[in-house]
Amino acid sequence: MPNIPALVREGMTALALGSAVSEDDSRLARTVFEAVGRVVLVEERLMDAVTGLSGSGPAYVFQAIEALADGGVMMGLPRQTAELLAAQTVLGSARLVLESGVHPAQLKDRVASPGGTTIAGLHQLEQGGFRAALMAAVEAATTRSKELGH
């Protein structure tokens, strides 16, 4: 199950290999999907969770980018500049998580200095239920995937 970022070769594909899949078939499937991004192997029972997270996840990220850009526009930035800033910020942050191997919470803490601008913004996100909303979105999409699969 690949996701839409495969269109720009940055996709995330989860494969669930049945017991009848040979090692050669497994290698072939990985090779095909690695051409459009990264591949992870999961148990079949987890495919609905994969759908809820990385299948639907790009839409959550697109909405976050749009909201960040809207915030920039609200603060006076031109739309095109705000969209570039938002999208590149998400791309660079994601790449840092993937390439550094550092937990996202530790990276967040490196940006949030005591009494600074970032911690003020993070406090507002917590008050708005940002993390809980994302977790609930993954849960809702996973639940819906299970419903559609039966």
N, C-alpha and C. Protein backbone atom coordinates (compact mmCIF):
# COMPACT_ATOMS: atom_id res chain seq x y z
N MET A 1 0.82 -1.17 0.00
CA MET A 1 0.00 0.00 0.00
C MET A 1 0.88 1.25 0.00
N PRO A 2 1.10 1.86 -1.17
CA PRO A 2 1.89 3.10 -1.25
C PRO A 2 1.00 4.32 -0.94
N ASN A 3 1.63 5.47 -0.71
CA ASN A 3 0.86 6.69 -0.51
C ASN A 3 1.19 7.72 -1.59
N ILE A 4 0.44 8.82 -1.62
CA ILE A 4 0.51 9.78 -2.72
C ILE A 4 1.89 10.43 -2.91
N PRO A 5 2.72 10.61 -1.88
CA PRO A 5 4.05 11.16 -2.15
C PRO A 5 4.91 10.29 -3.07
N ALA A 6 4.44 9.09 -3.38
CA ALA A 6 5.14 8.27 -4.38
C ALA A 6 5.21 9.00 -5.72
N LEU A 7 4.29 9.94 -5.95
CA LEU A 7 4.30 10.71 -7.19
C LEU A 7 5.58 11.51 -7.36
N VAL A 8 6.25 11.84 -6.25
CA VAL A 8 7.52 12.57 -6.31
C VAL A 8 8.67 11.74 -5.72
N ARG A 9 8.49 10.43 -5.74
CA ARG A 9 9.49 9.46 -5.28
C ARG A 9 9.86 9.63 -3.81
N GLU A 10 8.89 10.08 -3.02
CA GLU A 10 9.07 10.21 -1.57
C GLU A 10 7.97 9.47 -0.84
N GLY A 11 7.45 8.42 -1.47
CA GLY A 11 6.36 7.67 -0.89
C GLY A 11 6.77 6.78 0.26
N MET A 12 5.78 6.30 0.96
CA MET A 12 5.97 5.33 2.03
C MET A 12 5.06 4.18 1.73
N THR A 13 5.64 3.01 1.49
CA THR A 13 4.87 1.82 1.16
C THR A 13 5.03 0.80 2.27
N ALA A 14 3.92 0.24 2.69
CA ALA A 14 3.94 -0.86 3.66
C ALA A 14 3.55 -2.12 2.92
N LEU A 15 4.35 -3.14 3.09
CA LEU A 15 4.07 -4.44 2.48
C LEU A 15 3.77 -5.46 3.57
N ALA A 16 2.73 -6.23 3.33
CA ALA A 16 2.42 -7.37 4.20
C ALA A 16 2.59 -8.62 3.34
N LEU A 17 3.57 -9.40 3.68
CA LEU A 17 3.90 -10.57 2.87
C LEU A 17 3.26 -11.82 3.45
N GLY A 18 2.49 -12.50 2.64
CA GLY A 18 1.88 -13.75 3.08
C GLY A 18 2.90 -14.86 3.17
N SER A 19 2.51 -15.96 3.77
CA SER A 19 3.43 -17.08 3.98
C SER A 19 3.86 -17.73 2.66
N ALA A 20 3.06 -17.55 1.60
CA ALA A 20 3.38 -18.16 0.31
C ALA A 20 4.33 -17.30 -0.53
N VAL A 21 4.70 -16.13 -0.04
CA VAL A 21 5.57 -15.23 -0.79
C VAL A 21 7.02 -15.69 -0.64
N SER A 22 7.65 -15.91 -1.77
CA SER A 22 9.05 -16.35 -1.74
C SER A 22 9.98 -15.18 -1.45
N GLU A 23 11.21 -15.51 -1.11
CA GLU A 23 12.21 -14.47 -0.86
C GLU A 23 12.45 -13.65 -2.13
N ASP A 24 12.45 -14.30 -3.29
CA ASP A 24 12.61 -13.59 -4.56
C ASP A 24 11.44 -12.63 -4.80
N ASP A 25 10.23 -13.10 -4.53
CA ASP A 25 9.05 -12.24 -4.70
C ASP A 25 9.10 -11.06 -3.74
N SER A 26 9.54 -11.30 -2.54
CA SER A 26 9.67 -10.23 -1.55
C SER A 26 10.67 -9.18 -2.02
N ARG A 27 11.82 -9.64 -2.50
CA ARG A 27 12.85 -8.71 -3.01
C ARG A 27 12.31 -7.91 -4.19
N LEU A 28 11.59 -8.57 -5.09
CA LEU A 28 11.03 -7.90 -6.25
C LEU A 28 10.03 -6.82 -5.83
N ALA A 29 9.14 -7.15 -4.90
CA ALA A 29 8.16 -6.18 -4.43
C ALA A 29 8.85 -4.98 -3.78
N ARG A 30 9.85 -5.24 -2.97
CA ARG A 30 10.59 -4.14 -2.32
C ARG A 30 11.25 -3.27 -3.38
N THR A 31 11.87 -3.89 -4.36
CA THR A 31 12.56 -3.14 -5.41
C THR A 31 11.60 -2.25 -6.18
N VAL A 32 10.44 -2.78 -6.52
CA VAL A 32 9.44 -2.00 -7.26
C VAL A 32 9.04 -0.77 -6.45
N PHE A 33 8.69 -0.96 -5.18
CA PHE A 33 8.20 0.16 -4.38
C PHE A 33 9.31 1.08 -3.89
N GLU A 34 10.54 0.58 -3.75
CA GLU A 34 11.65 1.46 -3.39
C GLU A 34 11.96 2.46 -4.50
N ALA A 35 11.49 2.17 -5.71
CA ALA A 35 11.68 3.11 -6.83
C ALA A 35 10.88 4.40 -6.61
N VAL A 36 9.88 4.34 -5.73
CA VAL A 36 9.05 5.53 -5.49
C VAL A 36 9.05 5.95 -4.03
N GLY A 37 10.03 5.48 -3.24
CA GLY A 37 10.11 5.90 -1.85
C GLY A 37 10.66 4.82 -0.95
N ARG A 38 10.24 4.86 0.28
CA ARG A 38 10.70 3.90 1.29
C ARG A 38 9.69 2.78 1.46
N VAL A 39 10.18 1.66 1.99
CA VAL A 39 9.35 0.47 2.17
C VAL A 39 9.54 -0.05 3.59
N VAL A 40 8.44 -0.47 4.18
CA VAL A 40 8.47 -1.11 5.49
C VAL A 40 7.61 -2.37 5.40
N LEU A 41 8.04 -3.42 6.10
CA LEU A 41 7.26 -4.65 6.17
C LEU A 41 6.44 -4.62 7.46
N VAL A 42 5.16 -4.96 7.34
CA VAL A 42 4.29 -5.03 8.52
C VAL A 42 3.46 -6.30 8.44
N GLU A 43 2.92 -6.68 9.57
CA GLU A 43 2.00 -7.81 9.59
C GLU A 43 0.68 -7.38 8.95
N GLU A 44 0.02 -8.30 8.30
CA GLU A 44 -1.26 -8.02 7.62
C GLU A 44 -2.26 -7.35 8.56
N ARG A 45 -2.29 -7.77 9.80
CA ARG A 45 -3.25 -7.23 10.76
C ARG A 45 -3.04 -5.73 11.03
N LEU A 46 -1.90 -5.19 10.63
CA LEU A 46 -1.59 -3.79 10.86
C LEU A 46 -1.86 -2.90 9.64
N MET A 47 -2.32 -3.48 8.55
CA MET A 47 -2.52 -2.69 7.33
C MET A 47 -3.57 -1.59 7.49
N ASP A 48 -4.60 -1.80 8.30
CA ASP A 48 -5.57 -0.73 8.53
C ASP A 48 -4.92 0.45 9.25
N ALA A 49 -4.02 0.16 10.19
CA ALA A 49 -3.29 1.23 10.88
C ALA A 49 -2.36 1.95 9.91
N VAL A 50 -1.76 1.20 8.98
CA VAL A 50 -0.93 1.83 7.95
C VAL A 50 -1.79 2.78 7.12
N THR A 51 -2.98 2.34 6.76
CA THR A 51 -3.91 3.19 6.00
C THR A 51 -4.23 4.46 6.79
N GLY A 52 -4.53 4.31 8.08
CA GLY A 52 -4.89 5.45 8.91
C GLY A 52 -3.75 6.43 9.10
N LEU A 53 -2.52 5.93 9.11
CA LEU A 53 -1.36 6.80 9.32
C LEU A 53 -0.75 7.30 8.02
N SER A 54 -0.20 6.41 7.22
CA SER A 54 0.53 6.90 6.04
C SER A 54 -0.31 6.94 4.77
N GLY A 55 -1.41 6.19 4.73
CA GLY A 55 -2.30 6.30 3.57
C GLY A 55 -3.07 7.61 3.60
N SER A 56 -3.61 7.94 4.76
CA SER A 56 -4.37 9.18 4.93
C SER A 56 -3.48 10.34 5.38
N GLY A 57 -2.34 10.03 5.97
CA GLY A 57 -1.46 11.04 6.54
C GLY A 57 -1.06 12.20 5.64
N PRO A 58 -0.81 11.96 4.34
CA PRO A 58 -0.47 13.11 3.50
C PRO A 58 -1.55 14.20 3.53
N ALA A 59 -2.82 13.82 3.60
CA ALA A 59 -3.88 14.83 3.67
C ALA A 59 -3.76 15.64 4.96
N TYR A 60 -3.38 14.98 6.06
CA TYR A 60 -3.20 15.71 7.32
C TYR A 60 -2.05 16.70 7.18
N VAL A 61 -0.98 16.27 6.54
CA VAL A 61 0.18 17.14 6.36
C VAL A 61 -0.15 18.30 5.42
N PHE A 62 -0.89 18.00 4.34
CA PHE A 62 -1.29 19.08 3.43
C PHE A 62 -2.12 20.12 4.17
N GLN A 63 -3.01 19.66 5.04
CA GLN A 63 -3.84 20.59 5.80
C GLN A 63 -2.98 21.40 6.77
N ALA A 64 -1.97 20.76 7.38
CA ALA A 64 -1.07 21.49 8.27
C ALA A 64 -0.28 22.54 7.50
N ILE A 65 0.22 22.19 6.33
CA ILE A 65 0.95 23.15 5.50
C ILE A 65 0.05 24.33 5.14
N GLU A 66 -1.17 24.02 4.74
CA GLU A 66 -2.12 25.08 4.39
C GLU A 66 -2.37 25.99 5.59
N ALA A 67 -2.55 25.41 6.77
CA ALA A 67 -2.82 26.20 7.97
C ALA A 67 -1.60 27.04 8.36
N LEU A 68 -0.41 26.47 8.26
CA LEU A 68 0.79 27.25 8.55
C LEU A 68 0.91 28.43 7.58
N ALA A 69 0.68 28.16 6.31
CA ALA A 69 0.74 29.24 5.31
C ALA A 69 -0.32 30.29 5.59
N ASP A 70 -1.52 29.86 5.94
CA ASP A 70 -2.58 30.82 6.27
C ASP A 70 -2.17 31.69 7.46
N GLY A 71 -1.51 31.09 8.44
CA GLY A 71 -1.00 31.86 9.56
C GLY A 71 0.01 32.90 9.12
N GLY A 72 0.89 32.51 8.20
CA GLY A 72 1.85 33.46 7.67
C GLY A 72 1.18 34.60 6.92
N VAL A 73 0.17 34.26 6.13
CA VAL A 73 -0.58 35.29 5.40
C VAL A 73 -1.28 36.22 6.39
N MET A 74 -1.85 35.64 7.43
CA MET A 74 -2.53 36.44 8.45
C MET A 74 -1.55 37.42 9.11
N MET A 75 -0.29 37.03 9.18
CA MET A 75 0.72 37.90 9.79
C MET A 75 1.41 38.82 8.77
N GLY A 76 0.92 38.80 7.51
CA GLY A 76 1.39 39.76 6.53
C GLY A 76 2.26 39.22 5.41
N LEU A 77 2.60 37.94 5.44
CA LEU A 77 3.43 37.38 4.37
C LEU A 77 2.62 37.21 3.09
N PRO A 78 3.25 37.41 1.94
CA PRO A 78 2.57 37.10 0.68
C PRO A 78 2.26 35.60 0.62
N ARG A 79 1.14 35.21 0.02
CA ARG A 79 0.69 33.81 -0.04
C ARG A 79 1.78 32.88 -0.56
N GLN A 80 2.39 33.23 -1.69
CA GLN A 80 3.39 32.35 -2.29
C GLN A 80 4.59 32.14 -1.35
N THR A 81 5.01 33.19 -0.71
CA THR A 81 6.12 33.09 0.24
C THR A 81 5.73 32.24 1.44
N ALA A 82 4.53 32.45 1.96
CA ALA A 82 4.06 31.69 3.12
C ALA A 82 3.96 30.20 2.79
N GLU A 83 3.47 29.87 1.60
CA GLU A 83 3.37 28.47 1.21
C GLU A 83 4.75 27.82 1.07
N LEU A 84 5.69 28.55 0.48
CA LEU A 84 7.05 28.03 0.36
C LEU A 84 7.67 27.82 1.73
N LEU A 85 7.55 28.80 2.61
CA LEU A 85 8.09 28.67 3.95
C LEU A 85 7.49 27.47 4.68
N ALA A 86 6.19 27.33 4.60
CA ALA A 86 5.50 26.23 5.30
C ALA A 86 5.92 24.88 4.73
N ALA A 87 5.87 24.73 3.42
CA ALA A 87 6.19 23.44 2.80
C ALA A 87 7.64 23.04 3.03
N GLN A 88 8.56 23.98 2.86
CA GLN A 88 9.98 23.66 3.06
C GLN A 88 10.27 23.37 4.53
N THR A 89 9.58 24.04 5.42
CA THR A 89 9.75 23.77 6.85
C THR A 89 9.34 22.35 7.18
N VAL A 90 8.22 21.90 6.63
CA VAL A 90 7.76 20.53 6.85
C VAL A 90 8.73 19.53 6.21
N LEU A 91 9.14 19.79 4.98
CA LEU A 91 10.07 18.90 4.29
C LEU A 91 11.39 18.78 5.05
N GLY A 92 11.97 19.91 5.41
CA GLY A 92 13.25 19.89 6.12
C GLY A 92 13.15 19.22 7.48
N SER A 93 12.05 19.47 8.18
CA SER A 93 11.86 18.86 9.50
C SER A 93 11.71 17.35 9.39
N ALA A 94 10.95 16.91 8.41
CA ALA A 94 10.77 15.47 8.19
C ALA A 94 12.10 14.82 7.83
N ARG A 95 12.85 15.47 6.98
CA ARG A 95 14.14 14.91 6.57
C ARG A 95 15.09 14.80 7.76
N LEU A 96 15.06 15.81 8.64
CA LEU A 96 15.91 15.78 9.82
C LEU A 96 15.54 14.61 10.73
N VAL A 97 14.25 14.35 10.90
CA VAL A 97 13.83 13.19 11.70
C VAL A 97 14.35 11.90 11.08
N LEU A 98 14.18 11.76 9.76
CA LEU A 98 14.59 10.53 9.08
C LEU A 98 16.10 10.33 9.07
N GLU A 99 16.83 11.39 8.86
CA GLU A 99 18.29 11.25 8.69
C GLU A 99 19.07 11.33 9.98
N SER A 100 18.54 12.00 10.99
CA SER A 100 19.31 12.15 12.23
C SER A 100 19.15 10.98 13.17
N GLY A 101 17.99 10.30 13.10
CA GLY A 101 17.72 9.23 14.05
C GLY A 101 17.38 9.75 15.44
N VAL A 102 17.22 11.06 15.57
CA VAL A 102 16.89 11.67 16.86
C VAL A 102 15.37 11.70 16.99
N HIS A 103 14.86 11.39 18.17
CA HIS A 103 13.42 11.37 18.42
C HIS A 103 12.84 12.77 18.17
N PRO A 104 11.67 12.84 17.53
CA PRO A 104 11.06 14.14 17.24
C PRO A 104 10.92 15.04 18.48
N ALA A 105 10.65 14.47 19.63
CA ALA A 105 10.50 15.29 20.85
C ALA A 105 11.82 15.97 21.20
N GLN A 106 12.93 15.27 21.00
CA GLN A 106 14.24 15.88 21.28
C GLN A 106 14.53 17.01 20.29
N LEU A 107 14.17 16.79 19.03
CA LEU A 107 14.38 17.85 18.03
C LEU A 107 13.52 19.06 18.36
N LYS A 108 12.27 18.81 18.76
CA LYS A 108 11.38 19.91 19.16
C LYS A 108 11.99 20.70 20.29
N ASP A 109 12.55 19.99 21.28
CA ASP A 109 13.14 20.67 22.42
C ASP A 109 14.36 21.51 22.03
N ARG A 110 15.05 21.13 20.98
CA ARG A 110 16.21 21.90 20.50
C ARG A 110 15.78 23.24 19.90
N VAL A 111 14.54 23.29 19.41
CA VAL A 111 14.04 24.52 18.80
C VAL A 111 13.38 25.43 19.84
N ALA A 112 12.80 24.83 20.86
CA ALA A 112 12.03 25.59 21.85
C ALA A 112 12.90 26.05 23.01
N SER A 113 13.37 27.28 22.93
CA SER A 113 14.19 27.83 24.01
C SER A 113 13.29 28.36 25.13
N PRO A 114 13.80 28.34 26.35
CA PRO A 114 12.99 28.80 27.50
C PRO A 114 12.46 30.23 27.30
N GLY A 115 11.16 30.38 27.46
CA GLY A 115 10.53 31.69 27.35
C GLY A 115 10.52 32.28 25.95
N GLY A 116 10.80 31.46 24.94
CA GLY A 116 10.92 31.98 23.58
C GLY A 116 9.66 31.89 22.74
N THR A 117 9.82 32.20 21.48
CA THR A 117 8.69 32.22 20.55
C THR A 117 8.13 30.83 20.29
N THR A 118 9.01 29.85 20.15
CA THR A 118 8.56 28.50 19.81
C THR A 118 7.74 27.89 20.93
N ILE A 119 8.18 28.04 22.18
CA ILE A 119 7.43 27.44 23.28
C ILE A 119 6.07 28.13 23.43
N ALA A 120 6.00 29.40 23.09
CA ALA A 120 4.71 30.09 23.11
C ALA A 120 3.78 29.49 22.06
N GLY A 121 4.31 29.23 20.87
CA GLY A 121 3.51 28.60 19.83
C GLY A 121 3.13 27.18 20.18
N LEU A 122 4.05 26.42 20.75
CA LEU A 122 3.76 25.04 21.16
C LEU A 122 2.67 25.01 22.24
N HIS A 123 2.72 25.96 23.14
CA HIS A 123 1.69 26.04 24.18
C HIS A 123 0.32 26.24 23.55
N GLN A 124 0.25 27.09 22.55
CA GLN A 124 -1.02 27.31 21.86
C GLN A 124 -1.50 26.05 21.15
N LEU A 125 -0.57 25.32 20.53
CA LEU A 125 -0.93 24.05 19.88
C LEU A 125 -1.47 23.05 20.90
N GLU A 126 -0.85 22.98 22.06
CA GLU A 126 -1.33 22.08 23.11
C GLU A 126 -2.73 22.50 23.57
N GLN A 127 -2.95 23.78 23.75
CA GLN A 127 -4.27 24.26 24.16
C GLN A 127 -5.33 23.93 23.12
N GLY A 128 -4.94 23.92 21.86
CA GLY A 128 -5.87 23.61 20.77
C GLY A 128 -6.05 22.13 20.52
N GLY A 129 -5.32 21.31 21.25
CA GLY A 129 -5.46 19.87 21.09
C GLY A 129 -4.81 19.31 19.84
N PHE A 130 -3.77 19.96 19.36
CA PHE A 130 -3.12 19.59 18.11
C PHE A 130 -2.70 18.12 18.08
N ARG A 131 -1.94 17.68 19.06
CA ARG A 131 -1.45 16.30 19.08
C ARG A 131 -2.60 15.31 19.21
N ALA A 132 -3.54 15.62 20.08
CA ALA A 132 -4.71 14.74 20.26
C ALA A 132 -5.52 14.66 18.98
N ALA A 133 -5.64 15.78 18.26
CA ALA A 133 -6.41 15.78 17.01
C ALA A 133 -5.74 14.90 15.96
N LEU A 134 -4.42 14.96 15.86
CA LEU A 134 -3.72 14.11 14.89
C LEU A 134 -3.85 12.64 15.27
N MET A 135 -3.71 12.34 16.53
CA MET A 135 -3.86 10.95 16.98
C MET A 135 -5.27 10.45 16.70
N ALA A 136 -6.26 11.30 16.95
CA ALA A 136 -7.65 10.92 16.70
C ALA A 136 -7.92 10.74 15.21
N ALA A 137 -7.26 11.53 14.38
CA ALA A 137 -7.42 11.38 12.93
C ALA A 137 -6.91 10.02 12.47
N VAL A 138 -5.75 9.61 12.97
CA VAL A 138 -5.21 8.29 12.62
C VAL A 138 -6.15 7.19 13.12
N GLU A 139 -6.66 7.36 14.32
CA GLU A 139 -7.59 6.37 14.88
C GLU A 139 -8.86 6.28 14.04
N ALA A 140 -9.43 7.43 13.67
CA ALA A 140 -10.67 7.44 12.89
C ALA A 140 -10.46 6.81 11.51
N ALA A 141 -9.35 7.15 10.87
CA ALA A 141 -9.08 6.59 9.54
C ALA A 141 -8.82 5.09 9.63
N THR A 142 -8.14 4.64 10.67
CA THR A 142 -7.90 3.21 10.87
C THR A 142 -9.21 2.48 11.07
N THR A 143 -10.07 3.03 11.91
CA THR A 143 -11.38 2.43 12.17
C THR A 143 -12.19 2.35 10.89
N ARG A 144 -12.18 3.41 10.11
CA ARG A 144 -12.93 3.42 8.85
C ARG A 144 -12.36 2.42 7.87
N SER A 145 -11.05 2.27 7.82
CA SER A 145 -10.43 1.28 6.95
C SER A 145 -10.89 -0.13 7.32
N LYS A 146 -10.96 -0.39 8.63
CA LYS A 146 -11.46 -1.71 9.07
C LYS A 146 -12.90 -1.92 8.65
N GLU A 147 -13.72 -0.88 8.77
CA GLU A 147 -15.13 -0.98 8.37
C GLU A 147 -15.26 -1.26 6.88
N LEU A 148 -14.46 -0.58 6.08
CA LEU A 148 -14.53 -0.74 4.63
C LEU A 148 -14.01 -2.10 4.18
N GLY A 149 -13.12 -2.69 4.99
CA GLY A 149 -12.53 -3.97 4.63
C GLY A 149 -13.39 -5.17 4.97
N HIS A 150 -14.48 -4.95 5.65
CA HIS A 150 -15.33 -6.09 6.08
C HIS A 150 -16.62 -6.15 5.31
